[in-house]
Amino acid sequence: MLNQLSVSNFAIADQIEVFFQKGMTVLSGETGAGKSIILDALGLTLGDRADTSMVRHGEEKADISAVFDLEKQPEALAWLKSHDLEDGKQCILRRVITAEGRSRGYINGHPSPLQSLKEIGELLIDIHSQHEHQSLLNKDNHRLILDNFAHINPLSEAVAESHKNWSQKTRHLAKLENNQDETQARLHMLRFQLDELLALNLKEGEVAELEQEQAELSNAELLLNKTHSALEICDEGETNITSLISHACSALSNLPCENQSLNEALNLLNEAQIQIDEASSSLRHFVDGFELNPERLQQVDERLSSLYQLARKHRCEPEELRQVQERISHELEQMEHGDQNLEELQKEVERLEKIYFDMAEKQRQARLAVGQQLEQQISEQLALMDMKSVKFVVSISPLERAKVNQFGIDAVEFLISTNPGQPPKAINKVASGGELSRISLAIQVIVAQSSTIPTLVFDEVDVGIGGGTAQIVGKLLNQLGKNGQVICVTHLPQVASQGDHHYFISKREKDGIVKSSIDLLDEASRTNEIARMLGGIKITKQTLAHAKEMIELA
C-alpha cells in the first residue's frame, strides 16, 4: 500500500507531501491546478521516462519519493530480497531528475536502473488511465485483459517461449531441406577428407622425425667420409692427435724439477687426451652403426611428399594435419548426429511442436474457463452503468494451424451488440466514444477486483459519464477500496462524494511565481469542494445542501 508521496521542485510544485490511507482517496481540483502532477510524479518513481521540463524553473533538480508498506505483499518482499534490496517491511522508490537532463533511480536507498523500478512497481501499484478506452480498439489488448483476469500470464509467457523454440528449429529444418544437395555434397567431401587423413595415420611429432632422418639419409656418403676423416685425425691415422698428445705428455713427465706451469700444462694435456679418446669412441660408434640405405631414403621421401601434398591441399603446415583431422571429424559428427542431421532434426521439431500445442491447449482451456465469467461480470457492470441493452461477448475462436503464433492457438476479441436482436460485432465498428469509455471502465473495475496489486489508481476514468451512472461508478470504486487502496482523480461530484478521504489540489501565485499545493479536506471543506464541483464558481445554499446530501448518502 502507498503510504506517502513526497515531491520537491517538480513542475509547478515546490514542496508537496501527501499521506495516503486505506480505502478510497479522491483527488480533485480546478483544471490546471496540478492534479496530473501527483500521478506524473508517482509514475516517475515507477520508472516512467523523464525530461528536463519536469524540473521546476530555476531549480537544479526535482526529487520524488514514494513510500510503500509491504506488510501484506509477499511477492514484492521476495523481489526485493532476490535483488538484495530489502529493508524491513517497506519499500522506498526515489527518482532524482537534474536540470541538465540526468536521471537517477533508487530502491531503498540503493541506486537502481529504471527497469528495476518498473519491475517492483508492477507489484505495488496499478494505474488506470483516462485514455485506456482507446486501447480497446486494439484486439491484442483484449487477449491481455483476458489473460490478466485468468491469472495465466506465466503460462502465456511459457507458450510464447515454446513457440519461439519450435519456430527456430522449424526454420532451421526448412533451410537444410532447401539446401539438401549442398549439405550432402559437404558430407561427401568431409568423409573423403577424413578417410584421406585416417589413411595417412600421422603420428605426433612424426614430421620432424622424418625430416631429420631424410637429412641424414640423403647425406649418408658425405657424413661417412667426413666421420672417417675425423677418426683418422683423432686416432687411426699415421699421424694422429692421440699419439701426438701422448708424446707431449711423455716429454713433460718425470722432469728433474717441479714447475707449476709445466704441471698445469701436463694436466691439461691429460684431460685433452681423455676428451679425444671419448670423441674417437663416439665417431667409431657412429661409423659402426651407420649404413647406406637408399630404400629407406626412398620411403622417407615418399612419406614426406604425401604429407606435404595433403598439407598444401588443406592450406596448413604438415605439423597441423592432426588438428585438421580433428576439426573435420568434429564437423562430420555434428552434421551426422547434430542439428545438421535431417532425421534427428525432424524428430526435434516434432517434439517441440507437441510441447507447444500441449501448453497452448492448456492456455486455451484456461481462457475458455473464465471467458463466460468475464462476459457476465462486465455485462453486470454495464447494466449498472445504464447500458442494459448492450450485449458483451468474449470471443475465443481457434486459429487455423498455419496461423498459430506466440500468443496461442486461438484468437481473443471482445464483441458487443448495442441493440437487441443485432449480432455482436467488433467494438471499434459499433461503440461510440461514450460507450467505449464506459465499457473500458467496466473492464477496469472487474480486472481490478481480481488483482493482487494492493494500490489501484484511476486517473479520470469517469470521463464521458455522468448522473446516476457516475454515482454507480463511485460506489464501485469505493467497494474496491474496501479490500485495499484506491486513489481516484475525478471531476465528478457523484464519484468524489463516495471517497473515504479527499484531497484538494490548487495553485496560487505569489510574487509572480505559481505554486501548486495539496490539502486534506475536513468535513466542511469537503462539502464546499463537492458543491464547487456541482455548481461551479457560484456556490449557493442549495448547492451546499445538495453536496452535503450526496456525502451523507454515500
Protein backbone atom coordinates (compact mmCIF):
# COMPACT_ATOMS: atom_id res chain seq x y z
CA MET A 1 0.00 0.00 0.00
CA LEU A 2 1.18 3.53 -0.82
CA ASN A 3 1.77 5.41 2.45
CA GLN A 4 3.48 8.62 1.40
CA LEU A 5 4.44 10.62 -1.68
CA SER A 6 6.97 13.46 -1.38
CA VAL A 7 7.53 15.83 -4.30
CA SER A 8 10.20 18.55 -4.46
CA ASN A 9 10.72 21.07 -7.28
CA PHE A 10 8.61 19.15 -9.76
CA ALA A 11 6.70 21.11 -12.44
CA ILE A 12 4.89 23.93 -10.57
CA ALA A 13 5.15 22.16 -7.19
CA ASP A 14 7.96 23.34 -4.94
CA GLN A 15 7.25 21.06 -1.98
CA ILE A 16 4.34 18.63 -1.66
CA GLU A 17 3.89 15.78 0.80
CA VAL A 18 0.85 13.53 0.72
CA PHE A 19 -0.02 10.77 3.20
CA PHE A 20 -2.33 8.07 1.85
CA GLN A 21 -4.52 5.64 3.77
CA LYS A 22 -6.58 2.55 3.09
CA GLY A 23 -9.88 2.88 1.33
CA MET A 24 -10.80 5.28 -1.48
CA THR A 25 -8.87 8.53 -1.72
CA VAL A 26 -10.21 11.25 -4.01
CA LEU A 27 -8.04 13.90 -5.71
CA SER A 28 -9.90 16.86 -7.14
CA GLY A 29 -9.24 20.45 -8.12
CA GLU A 30 -9.79 23.01 -10.82
CA THR A 31 -8.48 22.41 -14.32
CA GLY A 32 -4.79 23.24 -14.49
CA ALA A 33 -4.34 23.20 -10.71
CA GLY A 34 -1.90 20.32 -10.95
CA LYS A 35 -3.88 17.10 -10.42
CA SER A 36 -1.64 15.44 -13.02
CA ILE A 37 1.46 16.42 -11.02
CA ILE A 38 0.69 13.82 -8.36
CA LEU A 39 0.23 10.97 -10.85
CA ASP A 40 3.13 12.08 -13.06
CA ALA A 41 5.41 12.20 -10.02
CA LEU A 42 4.20 8.80 -8.89
CA GLY A 43 4.79 7.45 -12.40
CA LEU A 44 8.41 8.62 -12.29
CA THR A 45 9.08 6.63 -9.12
CA LEU A 46 7.71 3.64 -11.03
CA GLY A 47 10.21 4.04 -13.87
CA ASP A 48 8.45 6.35 -16.35
CA ARG A 49 10.65 8.36 -18.70
CA ALA A 50 11.71 11.84 -17.57
CA ASP A 51 12.81 15.07 -19.25
CA THR A 52 14.26 18.38 -18.10
CA SER A 53 10.92 20.20 -18.45
CA MET A 54 9.77 18.36 -15.33
CA VAL A 55 12.27 20.24 -13.14
CA ARG A 56 10.78 23.37 -11.60
CA HIS A 57 12.09 26.51 -13.34
CA GLY A 58 15.19 27.90 -11.67
CA GLU A 59 15.90 24.77 -9.61
CA GLU A 60 18.80 22.33 -10.02
CA LYS A 61 16.85 19.11 -9.61
CA ALA A 62 13.48 17.53 -8.90
CA ASP A 63 13.31 14.89 -6.15
CA ILE A 64 10.40 12.46 -5.75
CA SER A 65 9.95 9.64 -3.22
CA ALA A 66 7.16 7.12 -2.73
CA VAL A 67 6.95 5.01 0.44
CA PHE A 68 5.10 1.66 0.30
CA ASP A 69 4.07 -0.66 3.14
CA LEU A 70 4.74 -4.30 2.14
CA GLU A 71 3.21 -5.98 5.21
CA LYS A 72 0.82 -7.99 3.02
CA GLN A 73 2.90 -8.08 -0.17
CA PRO A 74 4.98 -11.30 -0.12
CA GLU A 75 5.74 -11.10 -3.86
CA ALA A 76 7.22 -7.61 -3.54
CA LEU A 77 9.21 -8.63 -0.47
CA ALA A 78 10.54 -11.67 -2.33
CA TRP A 79 11.56 -9.49 -5.28
CA LEU A 80 13.47 -7.10 -3.02
CA LYS A 81 15.19 -9.98 -1.25
CA SER A 82 16.23 -11.60 -4.51
CA HIS A 83 17.87 -8.30 -5.52
CA ASP A 84 19.44 -7.66 -2.09
CA LEU A 85 17.30 -4.52 -1.65
CA GLU A 86 15.09 -5.48 1.30
CA ASP A 87 14.66 -3.03 4.19
CA GLY A 88 12.18 -4.47 6.64
CA LYS A 89 8.54 -4.31 5.54
CA GLN A 90 8.78 -1.13 3.49
CA CYS A 91 9.92 -0.07 0.05
CA ILE A 92 11.04 3.46 -0.81
CA LEU A 93 11.19 4.30 -4.50
CA ARG A 94 13.03 7.52 -5.30
CA ARG A 95 13.71 9.41 -8.52
CA VAL A 96 16.02 12.39 -8.99
CA ILE A 97 15.97 14.45 -12.22
CA THR A 98 18.53 17.19 -12.83
CA ALA A 99 18.07 20.33 -14.90
CA GLU A 100 20.90 19.07 -17.15
CA GLY A 101 18.80 16.05 -18.12
CA ARG A 102 20.32 13.34 -15.91
CA SER A 103 18.03 10.93 -14.11
CA ARG A 104 18.75 8.55 -11.24
CA GLY A 105 16.57 5.94 -9.56
CA TYR A 106 16.83 4.42 -6.08
CA ILE A 107 15.21 1.49 -4.31
CA ASN A 108 15.52 1.60 -0.54
CA GLY A 109 18.45 3.98 -0.91
CA HIS A 110 20.34 1.81 -3.43
CA PRO A 111 20.98 3.18 -6.95
CA SER A 112 18.86 1.10 -9.34
CA PRO A 113 18.13 1.07 -13.10
CA LEU A 114 14.72 2.19 -14.33
CA GLN A 115 13.90 -1.38 -15.32
CA SER A 116 14.16 -2.42 -11.68
CA LEU A 117 11.83 0.44 -10.67
CA LYS A 118 9.34 -0.80 -13.26
CA GLU A 119 9.57 -4.41 -12.10
CA ILE A 120 8.96 -3.69 -8.42
CA GLY A 121 6.40 -1.01 -9.34
CA GLU A 122 4.27 -3.55 -11.21
CA LEU A 123 3.93 -5.49 -7.95
CA LEU A 124 2.94 -2.43 -5.91
CA ILE A 125 0.58 -0.27 -7.93
CA ASP A 126 -1.67 -0.41 -10.97
CA ILE A 127 -2.57 2.84 -12.78
CA HIS A 128 -5.69 3.00 -14.96
CA SER A 129 -5.57 5.95 -17.36
CA GLN A 130 -8.43 8.06 -18.70
CA HIS A 131 -7.24 7.14 -22.19
CA GLU A 132 -7.35 3.38 -21.66
CA HIS A 133 -10.65 3.09 -23.51
CA GLN A 134 -8.67 3.73 -26.71
CA SER A 135 -6.70 0.53 -26.10
CA LEU A 136 -9.91 -1.45 -26.64
CA LEU A 137 -9.58 -0.65 -30.34
CA ASN A 138 -6.55 -2.97 -30.43
CA LYS A 139 -7.53 -6.66 -30.32
CA ASP A 140 -4.17 -7.62 -28.81
CA ASN A 141 -5.23 -5.82 -25.64
CA HIS A 142 -8.36 -7.96 -25.44
CA ARG A 143 -6.18 -11.05 -25.10
CA LEU A 144 -4.03 -9.35 -22.45
CA ILE A 145 -7.10 -8.36 -20.43
CA LEU A 146 -8.47 -11.91 -20.53
CA ASP A 147 -5.11 -13.44 -19.54
CA ASN A 148 -4.77 -10.98 -16.66
CA PHE A 149 -8.27 -11.83 -15.48
CA ALA A 150 -7.48 -15.56 -15.70
CA HIS A 151 -4.10 -15.10 -13.94
CA ILE A 152 -2.32 -17.11 -16.65
CA ASN A 153 0.39 -14.63 -17.61
CA PRO A 154 3.19 -17.08 -16.62
CA LEU A 155 1.56 -19.76 -18.78
CA SER A 156 1.23 -17.31 -21.69
CA GLU A 157 4.90 -16.38 -21.38
CA ALA A 158 5.82 -20.09 -21.44
CA VAL A 159 3.65 -20.59 -24.56
CA ALA A 160 5.44 -17.71 -26.28
CA GLU A 161 8.87 -19.14 -25.41
CA SER A 162 7.79 -22.60 -26.59
CA HIS A 163 6.56 -21.18 -29.90
CA LYS A 164 9.88 -19.36 -30.33
CA ASN A 165 11.88 -22.59 -29.85
CA TRP A 166 9.63 -24.53 -32.21
CA SER A 167 9.74 -21.81 -34.88
CA GLN A 168 13.55 -21.56 -34.78
CA LYS A 169 14.02 -25.31 -35.24
CA THR A 170 11.37 -25.38 -37.97
CA ARG A 171 13.16 -22.63 -39.91
CA HIS A 172 16.47 -24.44 -39.49
CA LEU A 173 14.95 -27.67 -40.79
CA ALA A 174 13.43 -25.89 -43.80
CA LYS A 175 16.79 -24.29 -44.58
CA LEU A 176 18.53 -27.66 -44.50
CA GLU A 177 15.84 -29.27 -46.63
CA ASN A 178 16.16 -26.49 -49.21
CA ASN A 179 19.93 -26.94 -49.25
CA GLN A 180 19.92 -30.71 -49.04
CA ASP A 181 22.04 -31.18 -52.19
CA GLU A 182 24.61 -28.77 -50.81
CA THR A 183 24.55 -30.50 -47.44
CA GLN A 184 25.04 -33.94 -48.99
CA ALA A 185 27.93 -32.64 -51.08
CA ARG A 186 29.53 -31.23 -47.94
CA LEU A 187 29.09 -34.54 -46.12
CA HIS A 188 30.64 -36.44 -49.03
CA MET A 189 33.64 -34.11 -49.12
CA LEU A 190 34.18 -34.30 -45.35
CA ARG A 191 34.06 -38.09 -45.37
CA PHE A 192 36.57 -38.22 -48.24
CA GLN A 193 38.91 -35.78 -46.47
CA LEU A 194 38.69 -37.70 -43.21
CA ASP A 195 39.39 -41.01 -44.95
CA GLU A 196 42.50 -39.47 -46.53
CA LEU A 197 43.79 -38.25 -43.19
CA LEU A 198 42.99 -41.51 -41.42
CA ALA A 199 44.78 -43.48 -44.12
CA LEU A 200 47.81 -41.24 -43.67
CA ASN A 201 47.83 -42.13 -39.96
CA LEU A 202 50.09 -39.26 -38.98
CA LYS A 203 51.75 -39.66 -35.56
CA GLU A 204 52.52 -36.85 -33.13
CA GLY A 205 55.96 -35.37 -33.94
CA GLU A 206 56.41 -37.66 -36.98
CA VAL A 207 57.06 -34.84 -39.47
CA ALA A 208 60.06 -33.52 -37.56
CA GLU A 209 61.48 -37.02 -37.12
CA LEU A 210 61.10 -37.82 -40.83
CA GLU A 211 62.71 -34.55 -41.90
CA GLN A 212 65.71 -35.26 -39.66
CA GLU A 213 66.02 -38.81 -40.95
CA GLN A 214 65.74 -37.61 -44.54
CA ALA A 215 68.57 -35.15 -43.97
CA GLU A 216 70.79 -37.93 -42.60
CA LEU A 217 69.99 -40.50 -45.30
CA SER A 218 70.34 -38.11 -48.23
CA ASN A 219 73.80 -37.04 -46.98
CA ALA A 220 74.93 -40.52 -45.91
CA GLU A 221 78.13 -40.78 -48.03
CA LEU A 222 79.26 -37.30 -47.09
CA LEU A 223 78.64 -37.99 -43.41
CA LEU A 224 80.52 -41.28 -43.55
CA ASN A 225 83.54 -39.80 -45.37
CA LYS A 226 83.78 -36.85 -43.00
CA THR A 227 83.46 -39.15 -39.97
CA HIS A 228 86.30 -41.42 -41.25
CA SER A 229 88.48 -38.36 -41.83
CA ALA A 230 87.83 -37.11 -38.33
CA LEU A 231 88.52 -40.53 -36.87
CA GLU A 232 91.89 -40.80 -38.69
CA ILE A 233 92.92 -37.36 -37.43
CA CYS A 234 91.93 -38.23 -33.88
CA ASP A 235 93.19 -41.78 -33.53
CA GLU A 236 93.65 -44.00 -36.57
CA GLY A 237 95.92 -42.09 -38.93
CA GLU A 238 99.71 -42.49 -39.15
CA THR A 239 99.95 -39.10 -37.51
CA ASN A 240 97.02 -38.52 -35.20
CA ILE A 241 96.11 -36.28 -32.34
CA THR A 242 96.09 -39.10 -29.80
CA SER A 243 99.72 -40.13 -30.45
CA LEU A 244 100.93 -36.52 -30.62
CA ILE A 245 99.33 -35.67 -27.27
CA SER A 246 100.78 -38.88 -25.84
CA HIS A 247 104.30 -37.85 -26.91
CA ALA A 248 103.78 -34.41 -25.40
CA CYS A 249 102.66 -35.93 -22.09
CA SER A 250 105.76 -38.20 -22.06
CA ALA A 251 108.03 -35.24 -22.68
CA LEU A 252 106.65 -33.39 -19.65
CA SER A 253 106.63 -36.36 -17.32
CA ASN A 254 109.46 -37.25 -14.89
CA LEU A 255 111.23 -33.90 -15.22
CA PRO A 256 114.19 -33.34 -12.80
CA CYS A 257 112.46 -30.38 -11.09
CA GLU A 258 108.95 -29.27 -10.22
CA ASN A 259 107.36 -26.34 -12.08
CA GLN A 260 103.81 -25.20 -11.57
CA SER A 261 103.24 -24.00 -15.14
CA LEU A 262 104.56 -27.26 -16.58
CA ASN A 263 102.39 -29.26 -14.21
CA GLU A 264 99.31 -27.32 -15.30
CA ALA A 265 100.15 -27.91 -18.95
CA LEU A 266 100.59 -31.63 -18.31
CA ASN A 267 97.21 -31.81 -16.57
CA LEU A 268 95.52 -30.05 -19.48
CA LEU A 269 97.15 -32.43 -21.98
CA ASN A 270 95.95 -35.43 -19.96
CA GLU A 271 92.41 -34.01 -19.97
CA ALA A 272 92.63 -33.40 -23.72
CA GLN A 273 93.76 -36.98 -24.14
CA ILE A 274 90.63 -38.19 -22.37
CA GLN A 275 88.37 -35.92 -24.49
CA ILE A 276 89.98 -37.11 -27.73
CA ASP A 277 89.51 -40.72 -26.66
CA GLU A 278 85.81 -40.10 -25.98
CA ALA A 279 85.35 -38.29 -29.31
CA SER A 280 87.02 -41.15 -31.11
CA SER A 281 84.74 -43.62 -29.38
CA SER A 282 81.67 -41.65 -30.49
CA LEU A 283 82.93 -41.48 -34.07
CA ARG A 284 83.55 -45.27 -34.16
CA HIS A 285 80.08 -45.87 -32.72
CA PHE A 286 78.53 -43.73 -35.49
CA VAL A 287 80.57 -45.46 -38.22
CA ASP A 288 79.80 -48.95 -36.91
CA GLY A 289 76.04 -48.27 -36.72
CA PHE A 290 75.71 -46.29 -39.93
CA GLU A 291 74.86 -47.87 -43.24
CA LEU A 292 73.85 -46.57 -46.64
CA ASN A 293 70.12 -47.33 -47.12
CA PRO A 294 68.72 -45.92 -50.37
CA GLU A 295 65.50 -47.92 -49.97
CA ARG A 296 64.76 -46.29 -46.61
CA LEU A 297 65.57 -42.91 -48.09
CA GLN A 298 63.02 -43.51 -50.84
CA GLN A 299 60.39 -44.50 -48.26
CA VAL A 300 61.03 -41.36 -46.20
CA ASP A 301 60.91 -39.16 -49.32
CA GLU A 302 57.60 -40.66 -50.40
CA ARG A 303 56.11 -40.33 -46.91
CA LEU A 304 57.12 -36.69 -46.62
CA SER A 305 55.87 -35.97 -50.14
CA SER A 306 52.43 -37.33 -49.20
CA LEU A 307 52.37 -35.20 -46.04
CA TYR A 308 53.44 -32.03 -47.88
CA GLN A 309 50.89 -32.59 -50.64
CA LEU A 310 48.00 -33.09 -48.19
CA ALA A 311 49.12 -30.06 -46.17
CA ARG A 312 49.01 -27.89 -49.30
CA LYS A 313 45.55 -29.23 -50.03
CA HIS A 314 44.30 -28.10 -46.60
CA ARG A 315 46.37 -24.91 -46.68
CA CYS A 316 48.23 -25.67 -43.48
CA GLU A 317 51.64 -26.73 -42.24
CA PRO A 318 52.34 -30.51 -42.28
CA GLU A 319 52.53 -30.48 -38.47
CA GLU A 320 48.93 -29.12 -38.34
CA LEU A 321 47.35 -32.04 -40.22
CA ARG A 322 46.35 -33.77 -36.98
CA GLN A 323 44.39 -30.69 -35.88
CA VAL A 324 42.74 -30.54 -39.30
CA GLN A 325 41.73 -34.18 -38.89
CA GLU A 326 40.14 -33.45 -35.51
CA ARG A 327 38.25 -30.45 -36.90
CA ILE A 328 36.88 -32.38 -39.87
CA SER A 329 35.92 -35.29 -37.63
CA HIS A 330 34.03 -32.93 -35.29
CA GLU A 331 32.16 -31.18 -38.12
CA LEU A 332 31.25 -34.51 -39.67
CA GLU A 333 29.93 -35.79 -36.36
CA GLN A 334 27.84 -32.64 -35.92
CA MET A 335 26.34 -32.99 -39.36
CA GLU A 336 25.63 -36.68 -38.96
CA HIS A 337 24.30 -36.59 -35.39
CA GLY A 338 23.54 -32.95 -34.56
CA ASP A 339 21.30 -30.22 -35.99
CA GLN A 340 22.57 -30.91 -39.49
CA ASN A 341 21.01 -34.40 -39.42
CA LEU A 342 17.63 -34.10 -41.10
CA GLU A 343 16.13 -37.14 -39.42
CA GLU A 344 17.21 -36.11 -35.93
CA LEU A 345 16.19 -32.51 -36.54
CA GLN A 346 12.76 -33.60 -37.78
CA LYS A 347 12.24 -35.54 -34.54
CA GLU A 348 13.29 -32.48 -32.51
CA VAL A 349 10.86 -30.24 -34.45
CA GLU A 350 8.04 -32.72 -33.78
CA ARG A 351 8.94 -32.83 -30.08
CA LEU A 352 8.92 -29.03 -29.76
CA GLU A 353 5.69 -28.83 -31.75
CA LYS A 354 3.97 -31.21 -29.33
CA ILE A 355 5.24 -29.23 -26.33
CA TYR A 356 3.87 -26.01 -27.84
CA PHE A 357 0.43 -27.38 -28.69
CA ASP A 358 0.09 -29.09 -25.30
CA MET A 359 0.87 -25.83 -23.50
CA ALA A 360 -1.26 -23.76 -25.87
CA GLU A 361 -4.21 -26.11 -25.28
CA LYS A 362 -3.87 -25.58 -21.52
CA GLN A 363 -3.84 -21.84 -22.22
CA ARG A 364 -6.94 -22.15 -24.40
CA GLN A 365 -8.84 -24.14 -21.77
CA ALA A 366 -7.92 -21.60 -19.10
CA ARG A 367 -9.23 -18.81 -21.31
CA LEU A 368 -12.44 -20.67 -22.05
CA ALA A 369 -12.94 -21.38 -18.35
CA VAL A 370 -13.03 -17.68 -17.44
CA GLY A 371 -14.34 -16.21 -20.70
CA GLN A 372 -18.01 -16.56 -19.78
CA GLN A 373 -17.28 -15.37 -16.25
CA LEU A 374 -15.68 -12.20 -17.62
CA GLU A 375 -18.62 -11.75 -20.00
CA GLN A 376 -21.14 -11.99 -17.18
CA GLN A 377 -19.32 -9.68 -14.78
CA ILE A 378 -18.73 -6.99 -17.41
CA SER A 379 -22.34 -7.23 -18.58
CA GLU A 380 -23.48 -6.74 -14.99
CA GLN A 381 -21.30 -3.65 -14.66
CA LEU A 382 -22.58 -2.28 -17.96
CA ALA A 383 -26.15 -2.76 -16.80
CA LEU A 384 -25.35 -0.74 -13.67
CA MET A 385 -23.94 1.98 -15.95
CA ASP A 386 -27.25 2.33 -17.81
CA MET A 387 -26.15 0.05 -20.68
CA LYS A 388 -28.61 -2.79 -20.06
CA SER A 389 -29.28 -3.32 -23.77
CA VAL A 390 -25.59 -3.81 -24.56
CA LYS A 391 -24.52 -7.43 -25.01
CA PHE A 392 -20.83 -8.04 -24.29
CA VAL A 393 -19.16 -11.17 -25.70
CA VAL A 394 -15.69 -12.60 -25.17
CA SER A 395 -14.97 -14.41 -28.42
CA ILE A 396 -12.34 -17.18 -28.19
CA SER A 397 -12.05 -18.79 -31.61
CA PRO A 398 -9.50 -21.42 -32.72
CA LEU A 399 -6.91 -20.38 -35.26
CA GLU A 400 -6.02 -22.29 -38.38
CA ARG A 401 -2.94 -24.40 -37.81
CA ALA A 402 -0.91 -22.22 -40.18
CA LYS A 403 -1.81 -19.11 -38.16
CA VAL A 404 -0.99 -20.26 -34.62
CA ASN A 405 1.53 -17.90 -33.03
CA GLN A 406 3.36 -16.94 -29.86
CA PHE A 407 0.05 -15.88 -28.30
CA GLY A 408 -1.52 -19.32 -28.61
CA ILE A 409 -3.83 -21.34 -30.80
CA ASP A 410 -6.87 -19.10 -30.55
CA ALA A 411 -7.88 -15.52 -31.26
CA VAL A 412 -9.42 -13.42 -28.47
CA GLU A 413 -11.68 -10.49 -29.28
CA PHE A 414 -14.31 -8.52 -27.39
CA LEU A 415 -17.55 -8.09 -29.31
CA ILE A 416 -20.63 -6.03 -28.46
CA SER A 417 -24.17 -5.54 -29.63
CA THR A 418 -25.69 -2.19 -28.65
CA ASN A 419 -29.20 -3.02 -29.82
CA PRO A 420 -31.36 -6.09 -29.08
CA GLY A 421 -31.56 -8.54 -31.97
CA GLN A 422 -28.31 -7.34 -33.53
CA PRO A 423 -25.42 -9.82 -33.68
CA PRO A 424 -22.27 -8.87 -31.70
CA LYS A 425 -19.63 -7.11 -33.76
CA ALA A 426 -16.14 -5.74 -33.25
CA ILE A 427 -16.06 -2.96 -30.67
CA ASN A 428 -14.43 -0.43 -32.99
CA LYS A 429 -17.24 -0.88 -35.53
CA VAL A 430 -20.14 -0.47 -33.11
CA ALA A 431 -19.34 1.50 -29.94
CA SER A 432 -19.44 5.28 -29.75
CA GLY A 433 -16.86 7.25 -27.77
CA GLY A 434 -19.04 7.41 -24.68
CA GLU A 435 -19.96 3.74 -24.86
CA LEU A 436 -16.32 2.82 -25.34
CA SER A 437 -15.38 4.80 -22.24
CA ARG A 438 -18.00 3.05 -20.07
CA ILE A 439 -17.07 -0.41 -21.44
CA SER A 440 -13.44 0.33 -20.63
CA LEU A 441 -14.34 1.43 -17.12
CA ALA A 442 -16.41 -1.72 -16.55
CA ILE A 443 -13.48 -3.87 -17.67
CA GLN A 444 -11.04 -1.97 -15.45
CA VAL A 445 -13.28 -2.37 -12.42
CA ILE A 446 -13.68 -6.11 -12.99
CA VAL A 447 -9.98 -6.69 -13.65
CA ALA A 448 -9.09 -4.62 -10.59
CA GLN A 449 -11.35 -6.76 -8.41
CA SER A 450 -9.30 -9.85 -9.22
CA SER A 451 -5.98 -8.03 -8.98
CA THR A 452 -3.43 -8.93 -6.28
CA ILE A 453 -1.89 -5.45 -6.51
CA PRO A 454 -2.75 -3.51 -3.33
CA THR A 455 -2.91 0.04 -4.75
CA LEU A 456 -5.16 0.92 -7.68
CA VAL A 457 -5.06 4.40 -9.27
CA PHE A 458 -7.84 5.65 -11.54
CA ASP A 459 -6.96 8.79 -13.48
CA GLU A 460 -10.24 10.40 -14.60
CA VAL A 461 -11.59 7.10 -15.89
CA ASP A 462 -15.09 8.57 -15.42
CA VAL A 463 -14.70 10.81 -18.48
CA GLY A 464 -17.81 10.65 -20.66
CA ILE A 465 -20.28 9.60 -17.96
CA GLY A 466 -22.46 11.50 -15.51
CA GLY A 467 -25.64 11.47 -13.42
CA GLY A 468 -26.68 8.15 -11.93
CA THR A 469 -24.01 6.26 -13.86
CA ALA A 470 -21.30 8.37 -12.28
CA GLN A 471 -22.76 7.65 -8.83
CA ILE A 472 -22.64 3.92 -9.54
CA VAL A 473 -19.03 4.22 -10.71
CA GLY A 474 -18.21 5.99 -7.46
CA LYS A 475 -19.78 3.16 -5.46
CA LEU A 476 -17.80 0.58 -7.45
CA LEU A 477 -14.55 2.39 -6.76
CA ASN A 478 -15.44 2.68 -3.08
CA GLN A 479 -16.11 -1.07 -2.94
CA LEU A 480 -12.69 -1.74 -4.48
CA GLY A 481 -11.17 0.40 -1.74
CA LYS A 482 -12.67 -1.82 0.95
CA ASN A 483 -10.21 -4.58 0.06
CA GLY A 484 -7.17 -2.38 -0.48
CA GLN A 485 -6.38 1.12 -1.57
CA VAL A 486 -7.95 3.14 -4.39
CA ILE A 487 -6.70 6.57 -5.46
CA CYS A 488 -9.03 8.34 -7.86
CA VAL A 489 -8.56 11.59 -9.77
CA THR A 490 -12.03 12.83 -10.73
CA HIS A 491 -14.01 15.89 -11.79
CA LEU A 492 -17.41 14.35 -10.98
CA PRO A 493 -19.09 15.13 -7.62
CA GLN A 494 -21.01 11.84 -7.79
CA VAL A 495 -17.68 9.99 -7.71
CA ALA A 496 -15.87 12.33 -5.30
CA SER A 497 -18.67 12.06 -2.74
CA GLN A 498 -18.02 8.32 -2.42
CA GLY A 499 -14.45 8.77 -1.20
CA ASP A 500 -13.19 7.90 2.26
CA HIS A 501 -10.53 10.63 2.05
CA HIS A 502 -10.49 13.74 -0.10
CA TYR A 503 -7.51 15.88 -1.18
CA PHE A 504 -7.95 19.22 -2.91
CA ILE A 505 -5.26 20.35 -5.34
CA SER A 506 -4.89 24.05 -6.05
CA LYS A 507 -2.39 26.56 -7.35
CA ARG A 508 -1.61 30.07 -6.23
CA GLU A 509 0.57 32.92 -7.45
CA LYS A 510 2.89 34.88 -5.21
CA ASP A 511 5.45 37.44 -6.39
CA GLY A 512 4.91 36.25 -9.95
CA ILE A 513 5.66 32.62 -9.09
CA VAL A 514 2.99 29.90 -9.43
CA LYS A 515 2.97 27.10 -6.87
CA SER A 516 0.81 24.01 -6.58
CA SER A 517 -0.38 22.66 -3.24
CA ILE A 518 -2.49 19.78 -1.94
CA ASP A 519 -4.64 19.76 1.18
CA LEU A 520 -6.56 17.06 3.00
CA LEU A 521 -10.14 18.31 3.37
CA ASP A 522 -12.12 18.16 6.58
CA GLU A 523 -15.87 17.62 6.56
CA ALA A 524 -16.78 21.26 5.93
CA SER A 525 -14.11 21.83 3.31
CA ARG A 526 -15.10 18.63 1.57
CA THR A 527 -18.73 19.76 1.38
CA ASN A 528 -17.59 23.03 -0.18
CA GLU A 529 -15.45 21.17 -2.75
CA ILE A 530 -18.33 18.86 -3.73
CA ALA A 531 -20.53 21.96 -4.03
CA ARG A 532 -17.91 23.60 -6.26
CA MET A 533 -17.86 20.52 -8.45
CA LEU A 534 -21.67 20.63 -8.61
CA GLY A 535 -22.26 24.32 -9.11
CA GLY A 536 -19.12 25.88 -10.48
CA ILE A 537 -17.91 29.32 -9.41
CA LYS A 538 -21.07 30.49 -7.60
CA ILE A 539 -21.97 28.22 -4.70
CA THR A 540 -25.49 28.64 -3.28
CA LYS A 541 -27.12 27.28 -0.16
CA GLN A 542 -28.98 24.82 -2.33
CA THR A 543 -25.74 23.63 -3.86
CA LEU A 544 -24.16 23.19 -0.42
CA ALA A 545 -27.24 21.30 0.76
CA HIS A 546 -27.08 19.04 -2.30
CA ALA A 547 -23.37 18.41 -1.70
CA LYS A 548 -23.96 17.58 1.95
CA GLU A 549 -26.78 15.21 0.99
CA MET A 550 -24.57 13.42 -1.56
CA ILE A 551 -21.87 12.86 1.07
CA GLU A 552 -24.38 11.61 3.63
CA LEU A 553 -26.00 9.23 1.15
CA ALA A 554 -22.59 7.90 0.14
